[in-house]
Amino acid sequence: MDARQGIRRGAGVGVLAVAVVVALVGFGARPTASGGSTRGKIVVVAAENEYGNLALQIGGKYVVVDSIESNPNTDPHTYEVSPGVAQAVSSAQVVIQNGVGYDDFMTKIESASPNKKRYVIDVQHLLGLPDSTPNPHLWYNPITMPAVADKLAADFSSIDPAHSANFKGNAATFITSLHPWLEMIAKFKATYPNTPVATTEPVADYMLEAAGTRNMTPFTLQADIMNGVDPSPQDVTTQENLFSQHKVKVFVYNQQVTDSLTQSFITDAHNADIPVIGVYETMPVPGYNYQSWMLAEVTALEKAVADHVSTTRL
């Protein structure tokens, strides 16, 4: 979902978010959506659970984290703000959001409940990306999470200086723990250079690019599906030809967001004996942290190319 989809996604939640926050003023609401104990801990709210998982890894026992979007069985694009979420964001000491129009509801809530002491990590701004960035799925980019980890450590240290060494050490440990993922990406790129792939949405495009693949699907089709717009007949035909003419070795689709068109592409891929991979927008839970999730996605890619194995669900 890009900034254009943020308009579609945010249209129904912005007014609700503002109204909810205003309605809650003065009610002494609890600070976290999950109701976890916050005594003596830094209260963190993350728009997406991949960022929430990272915050927990950096903060450890000194933080309590709520992740708003955390259900891998739902479409993240259809998220609607609840009173508990609005309340949690308004009370958080640290907020993490993706930006690039992906989670505009967060900005609306923050604007409705201004707090000069609240630390807001907008990953788009942290990475210096323009609003016109076409692919908002920043967590699949290998450069993203190390930058967020360091920023979290710095912000946590500002709030709780006594445990600064712990936060910074955890950030260093996290960055080191990404090495198996990065090494597997590099190995795939060297072993299977320029592997042609097809996709539905640009969910994993940053990782596919890092792995040296060639995405043969027109980006206009990817953007249309991502934004809930019917792709042009020409783009659909181009995509279908990728399968029927065996121009790609792997088909990657958004496992959380499917419709009749996506299903037809999956059928086309299976009929052409092309392995299919289902990738996720939010981190699958339970059983995964960010590192193991990313490693599992690259493992699925390697198995598809090397062993002709489909992985539609982690």
Protein backbone atom coordinates (compact mmCIF):
# COMPACT_ATOMS: atom_id res chain seq x y z
CA MET A 1 0.00 0.00 0.00
CA ASP A 2 1.46 3.37 -0.97
CA ALA A 3 0.50 6.91 -0.10
CA ARG A 4 -2.44 6.71 -2.50
CA GLN A 5 -3.79 3.69 -0.69
CA GLY A 6 -3.34 5.55 2.56
CA ILE A 7 -6.15 7.80 1.35
CA ARG A 8 -8.41 4.80 0.76
CA ARG A 9 -7.41 3.11 3.98
CA GLY A 10 -7.53 6.21 6.14
CA ALA A 11 -10.80 7.63 4.86
CA GLY A 12 -12.91 5.68 7.30
CA VAL A 13 -10.64 5.88 10.31
CA GLY A 14 -9.43 9.45 10.58
CA VAL A 15 -12.65 10.97 11.91
CA LEU A 16 -13.21 7.95 14.12
CA ALA A 17 -9.72 8.19 15.60
CA VAL A 18 -10.11 11.86 16.42
CA ALA A 19 -13.56 11.38 17.88
CA VAL A 20 -12.40 8.46 20.01
CA VAL A 21 -9.45 10.32 21.48
CA VAL A 22 -11.57 13.35 22.28
CA ALA A 23 -14.22 11.16 23.87
CA LEU A 24 -11.64 9.49 26.10
CA VAL A 25 -10.11 12.65 27.55
CA GLY A 26 -10.58 12.72 31.29
CA PHE A 27 -11.58 9.09 31.68
CA GLY A 28 -8.25 7.89 33.10
CA ALA A 29 -8.01 5.10 30.54
CA ARG A 30 -5.37 2.42 30.80
CA PRO A 31 -2.23 3.17 28.78
CA THR A 32 -1.96 -0.04 26.72
CA ALA A 33 -4.45 -1.76 24.44
CA SER A 34 -3.54 -5.16 25.90
CA GLY A 35 -3.89 -4.04 29.50
CA GLY A 36 -0.33 -5.11 30.40
CA SER A 37 1.33 -3.75 33.53
CA THR A 38 3.35 -0.62 32.79
CA ARG A 39 4.71 0.12 36.25
CA GLY A 40 8.26 1.42 35.88
CA LYS A 41 8.42 0.48 32.19
CA ILE A 42 8.57 2.44 28.96
CA VAL A 43 5.21 2.24 27.20
CA VAL A 44 5.57 1.56 23.47
CA VAL A 45 2.89 1.33 20.79
CA ALA A 46 3.83 0.04 17.33
CA ALA A 47 1.51 0.31 14.36
CA GLU A 48 2.75 -3.05 12.99
CA ASN A 49 3.89 -6.05 14.97
CA GLU A 50 7.24 -6.37 13.19
CA TYR A 51 8.20 -3.02 14.70
CA GLY A 52 6.67 -4.03 18.02
CA ASN A 53 8.74 -7.19 18.08
CA LEU A 54 11.87 -5.17 17.45
CA ALA A 55 10.99 -2.73 20.25
CA LEU A 56 10.61 -5.64 22.65
CA GLN A 57 13.97 -7.07 21.61
CA ILE A 58 15.67 -3.73 22.20
CA GLY A 59 13.84 -2.78 25.40
CA GLY A 60 13.55 -6.20 26.99
CA LYS A 61 12.11 -6.19 30.50
CA TYR A 62 12.22 -2.42 30.66
CA VAL A 63 9.43 -1.89 28.12
CA VAL A 64 5.83 -2.93 27.57
CA VAL A 65 4.83 -3.08 23.92
CA ASP A 66 1.49 -3.07 22.16
CA SER A 67 1.35 -3.88 18.44
CA ILE A 68 -1.78 -2.69 16.70
CA GLU A 69 -1.69 -4.72 13.50
CA SER A 70 -0.70 -8.23 14.48
CA ASN A 71 -3.10 -10.71 12.90
CA PRO A 72 -1.55 -12.47 9.86
CA ASN A 73 -4.98 -13.83 8.93
CA THR A 74 -6.45 -10.41 8.19
CA ASP A 75 -5.95 -7.77 5.52
CA PRO A 76 -3.84 -4.96 7.04
CA HIS A 77 -5.36 -2.55 4.52
CA THR A 78 -8.79 -2.83 6.14
CA TYR A 79 -7.69 -1.89 9.66
CA GLU A 80 -10.11 0.24 11.67
CA VAL A 81 -9.17 2.16 14.79
CA SER A 82 -10.78 1.04 18.05
CA PRO A 83 -11.21 3.07 21.24
CA GLY A 84 -8.55 0.98 22.97
CA VAL A 85 -6.03 1.66 20.23
CA ALA A 86 -6.65 5.39 20.23
CA GLN A 87 -6.29 5.40 23.99
CA ALA A 88 -3.05 3.39 23.91
CA VAL A 89 -1.43 5.64 21.31
CA SER A 90 -2.42 8.78 23.18
CA SER A 91 -0.76 7.43 26.34
CA ALA A 92 2.38 5.94 24.78
CA GLN A 93 5.85 7.26 25.52
CA VAL A 94 7.21 5.85 22.26
CA VAL A 95 5.24 5.32 19.05
CA ILE A 96 6.57 3.48 16.00
CA GLN A 97 4.91 3.86 12.63
CA ASN A 98 5.90 2.93 9.11
CA GLY A 99 4.90 6.07 7.24
CA VAL A 100 4.62 6.37 3.43
CA GLY A 101 0.84 6.48 3.85
CA TYR A 102 0.75 2.93 5.23
CA ASP A 103 -0.52 3.82 8.70
CA ASP A 104 -1.86 7.36 8.50
CA PHE A 105 -4.31 6.57 11.28
CA MET A 106 -1.42 6.85 13.73
CA THR A 107 -0.68 10.43 12.74
CA LYS A 108 -4.35 11.32 13.10
CA ILE A 109 -4.48 9.92 16.62
CA GLU A 110 -1.24 11.67 17.59
CA SER A 111 -2.53 14.96 16.26
CA ALA A 112 -5.70 14.59 18.29
CA SER A 113 -3.74 13.95 21.50
CA PRO A 114 -0.56 16.10 21.30
CA ASN A 115 2.20 15.22 23.73
CA LYS A 116 5.57 16.98 23.57
CA LYS A 117 7.20 14.22 25.61
CA ARG A 118 6.13 11.45 23.24
CA TYR A 119 8.84 10.01 20.99
CA VAL A 120 7.53 9.21 17.51
CA ILE A 121 9.64 7.03 15.23
CA ASP A 122 8.37 7.40 11.67
CA VAL A 123 10.43 4.87 9.70
CA GLN A 124 9.93 6.73 6.42
CA HIS A 125 11.41 9.88 7.90
CA LEU A 126 14.13 7.95 9.71
CA LEU A 127 15.29 6.56 6.37
CA GLY A 128 14.91 9.94 4.64
CA LEU A 129 12.36 8.66 2.13
CA PRO A 130 10.02 10.98 0.22
CA ASP A 131 6.24 10.70 0.39
CA SER A 132 6.34 9.55 -3.24
CA THR A 133 8.15 6.32 -2.29
CA PRO A 134 6.23 3.74 -4.35
CA ASN A 135 6.67 0.72 -2.08
CA PRO A 136 5.75 1.24 1.59
CA HIS A 137 6.73 -2.23 2.83
CA LEU A 138 9.93 -0.89 4.34
CA TRP A 139 10.52 -3.73 6.82
CA TYR A 140 11.51 -6.04 3.95
CA ASN A 141 14.43 -3.75 3.09
CA PRO A 142 17.62 -5.05 4.76
CA ILE A 143 18.69 -1.51 5.70
CA THR A 144 15.53 -0.67 7.62
CA MET A 145 15.53 -2.56 10.89
CA PRO A 146 19.16 -1.81 11.89
CA ALA A 147 18.33 1.90 11.62
CA VAL A 148 15.14 1.45 13.65
CA ALA A 149 17.00 -0.61 16.27
CA ASP A 150 19.58 2.13 16.81
CA LYS A 151 16.86 4.79 17.02
CA LEU A 152 14.91 2.76 19.55
CA ALA A 153 18.02 2.31 21.67
CA ALA A 154 18.65 6.06 21.56
CA ASP A 155 15.07 6.99 22.44
CA PHE A 156 14.82 4.39 25.21
CA SER A 157 18.10 5.70 26.61
CA SER A 158 16.75 9.23 26.68
CA ILE A 159 13.70 8.09 28.62
CA ASP A 160 15.55 5.65 30.90
CA PRO A 161 19.25 6.62 31.03
CA ALA A 162 20.01 4.11 33.78
CA HIS A 163 19.56 1.24 31.32
CA SER A 164 21.17 2.86 28.29
CA ALA A 165 23.95 0.27 28.08
CA ASN A 166 21.35 -2.48 28.06
CA PHE A 167 19.38 -0.88 25.23
CA LYS A 168 22.44 -0.20 23.11
CA GLY A 169 23.78 -3.69 23.72
CA ASN A 170 20.46 -5.21 22.68
CA ALA A 171 20.49 -3.14 19.49
CA ALA A 172 23.98 -4.39 18.65
CA THR A 173 22.91 -7.97 19.36
CA PHE A 174 19.86 -7.59 17.15
CA ILE A 175 21.87 -6.20 14.24
CA THR A 176 24.34 -9.09 14.56
CA SER A 177 21.43 -11.56 14.59
CA LEU A 178 20.41 -10.38 11.11
CA HIS A 179 23.62 -11.77 9.59
CA PRO A 180 22.18 -15.23 8.71
CA TRP A 181 19.37 -13.52 6.76
CA LEU A 182 21.74 -11.17 4.98
CA GLU A 183 24.16 -13.99 4.21
CA MET A 184 21.36 -16.11 2.75
CA ILE A 185 20.24 -13.20 0.58
CA ALA A 186 23.80 -12.73 -0.66
CA LYS A 187 24.19 -16.47 -1.29
CA PHE A 188 20.96 -16.60 -3.30
CA LYS A 189 22.03 -13.60 -5.37
CA ALA A 190 25.36 -15.23 -6.16
CA THR A 191 23.94 -18.70 -6.83
CA TYR A 192 20.81 -17.73 -8.78
CA PRO A 193 21.56 -14.34 -10.33
CA ASN A 194 18.76 -12.50 -12.15
CA THR A 195 16.13 -15.08 -11.26
CA PRO A 196 12.89 -13.97 -12.98
CA VAL A 197 9.91 -13.75 -10.63
CA ALA A 198 6.30 -12.61 -10.79
CA THR A 199 4.39 -10.93 -7.94
CA THR A 200 0.96 -9.59 -7.12
CA GLU A 201 1.94 -6.74 -4.79
CA PRO A 202 5.31 -5.20 -3.91
CA VAL A 203 5.18 -6.65 -0.38
CA ALA A 204 8.55 -8.41 -0.56
CA ASP A 205 10.00 -6.42 -3.47
CA TYR A 206 12.82 -4.88 -1.40
CA MET A 207 14.02 -8.31 -0.35
CA LEU A 208 13.58 -9.74 -3.85
CA GLU A 209 15.66 -6.87 -5.21
CA ALA A 210 18.37 -7.45 -2.61
CA ALA A 211 18.40 -11.12 -3.64
CA GLY A 212 19.12 -10.10 -7.22
CA THR A 213 15.86 -11.28 -8.75
CA ARG A 214 14.18 -9.67 -11.77
CA ASN A 215 10.56 -8.82 -11.07
CA MET A 216 8.81 -9.32 -14.42
CA THR A 217 5.39 -8.13 -13.20
CA PRO A 218 4.60 -4.56 -14.30
CA PHE A 219 4.75 -2.28 -11.29
CA THR A 220 1.52 -0.69 -12.44
CA LEU A 221 -0.20 -4.04 -11.84
CA GLN A 222 1.45 -4.43 -8.44
CA ALA A 223 0.41 -0.91 -7.42
CA ASP A 224 -3.15 -1.40 -8.63
CA ILE A 225 -3.62 -4.61 -6.68
CA MET A 226 -1.97 -3.04 -3.62
CA ASN A 227 -4.31 -0.06 -3.84
CA GLY A 228 -7.48 -2.05 -4.46
CA VAL A 229 -7.76 -0.89 -8.08
CA ASP A 230 -8.59 -3.15 -11.01
CA PRO A 231 -5.43 -3.57 -13.11
CA SER A 232 -5.58 -2.79 -16.81
CA PRO A 233 -6.41 -5.68 -19.15
CA GLN A 234 -3.00 -5.20 -20.76
CA ASP A 235 -1.18 -5.70 -17.45
CA VAL A 236 -3.29 -8.75 -16.62
CA THR A 237 -2.45 -10.28 -19.98
CA THR A 238 1.24 -9.56 -19.44
CA GLN A 239 1.10 -11.29 -16.07
CA GLU A 240 -0.75 -14.31 -17.45
CA ASN A 241 1.83 -14.65 -20.22
CA LEU A 242 4.61 -14.81 -17.63
CA PHE A 243 3.10 -18.10 -16.49
CA SER A 244 1.85 -19.60 -19.74
CA GLN A 245 5.13 -18.83 -21.51
CA HIS A 246 7.26 -19.93 -18.53
CA LYS A 247 9.04 -16.59 -18.28
CA VAL A 248 9.37 -16.76 -14.50
CA LYS A 249 10.67 -19.32 -12.03
CA VAL A 250 8.71 -18.22 -8.95
CA PHE A 251 5.38 -16.53 -8.24
CA VAL A 252 5.23 -14.43 -5.05
CA TYR A 253 1.88 -13.22 -3.75
CA ASN A 254 0.57 -11.41 -0.68
CA GLN A 255 -0.73 -14.26 1.47
CA GLN A 256 -2.83 -11.89 3.59
CA VAL A 257 -4.66 -10.18 0.74
CA THR A 258 -6.19 -12.34 -1.97
CA ASP A 259 -9.11 -11.94 -4.35
CA SER A 260 -10.41 -13.64 -7.48
CA LEU A 261 -7.65 -12.13 -9.63
CA THR A 262 -4.92 -13.25 -7.26
CA GLN A 263 -6.45 -16.71 -7.14
CA SER A 264 -6.49 -16.87 -10.93
CA PHE A 265 -2.78 -16.02 -11.00
CA ILE A 266 -2.09 -18.73 -8.41
CA THR A 267 -3.98 -21.21 -10.57
CA ASP A 268 -2.04 -20.09 -13.65
CA ALA A 269 1.24 -20.60 -11.82
CA HIS A 270 0.27 -24.07 -10.62
CA ASN A 271 -0.91 -25.05 -14.10
CA ALA A 272 2.45 -23.95 -15.48
CA ASP A 273 4.28 -25.89 -12.72
CA ILE A 274 5.77 -22.68 -11.30
CA PRO A 275 6.39 -22.70 -7.51
CA VAL A 276 4.26 -20.30 -5.47
CA ILE A 277 5.34 -18.37 -2.37
CA GLY A 278 2.95 -16.61 0.01
CA VAL A 279 4.61 -13.68 1.79
CA TYR A 280 3.24 -11.75 4.75
CA GLU A 281 2.70 -8.06 5.45
CA THR A 282 2.64 -8.50 9.22
CA MET A 283 4.83 -10.89 11.17
CA PRO A 284 3.28 -14.35 11.57
CA VAL A 285 2.59 -15.13 15.22
CA PRO A 286 3.21 -17.06 17.32
CA GLY A 287 6.52 -18.76 16.66
CA TYR A 288 8.41 -16.00 14.88
CA ASN A 289 10.46 -12.97 15.66
CA TYR A 290 11.52 -10.53 12.96
CA GLN A 291 14.78 -12.34 12.21
CA SER A 292 13.28 -15.83 11.90
CA TRP A 293 10.40 -14.47 9.80
CA MET A 294 12.70 -12.82 7.27
CA LEU A 295 14.93 -15.89 7.19
CA ALA A 296 11.88 -18.08 6.53
CA GLU A 297 10.84 -15.89 3.60
CA VAL A 298 14.27 -16.17 1.95
CA THR A 299 14.35 -19.89 2.68
CA ALA A 300 11.04 -20.23 0.83
CA LEU A 301 12.52 -18.38 -2.14
CA GLU A 302 15.59 -20.61 -2.19
CA LYS A 303 13.48 -23.80 -1.93
CA ALA A 304 11.29 -22.62 -4.79
CA VAL A 305 14.22 -22.08 -7.14
CA ALA A 306 16.49 -24.89 -6.01
CA ASP A 307 13.95 -27.60 -5.20
CA HIS A 308 10.81 -26.46 -7.03
CA VAL A 309 8.88 -26.35 -3.73
CA SER A 310 5.92 -24.05 -3.05
CA THR A 311 5.48 -22.39 0.33
CA THR A 312 2.10 -20.72 0.59
CA ARG A 313 1.95 -20.48 4.38
CA LEU A 314 4.63 -20.18 7.06
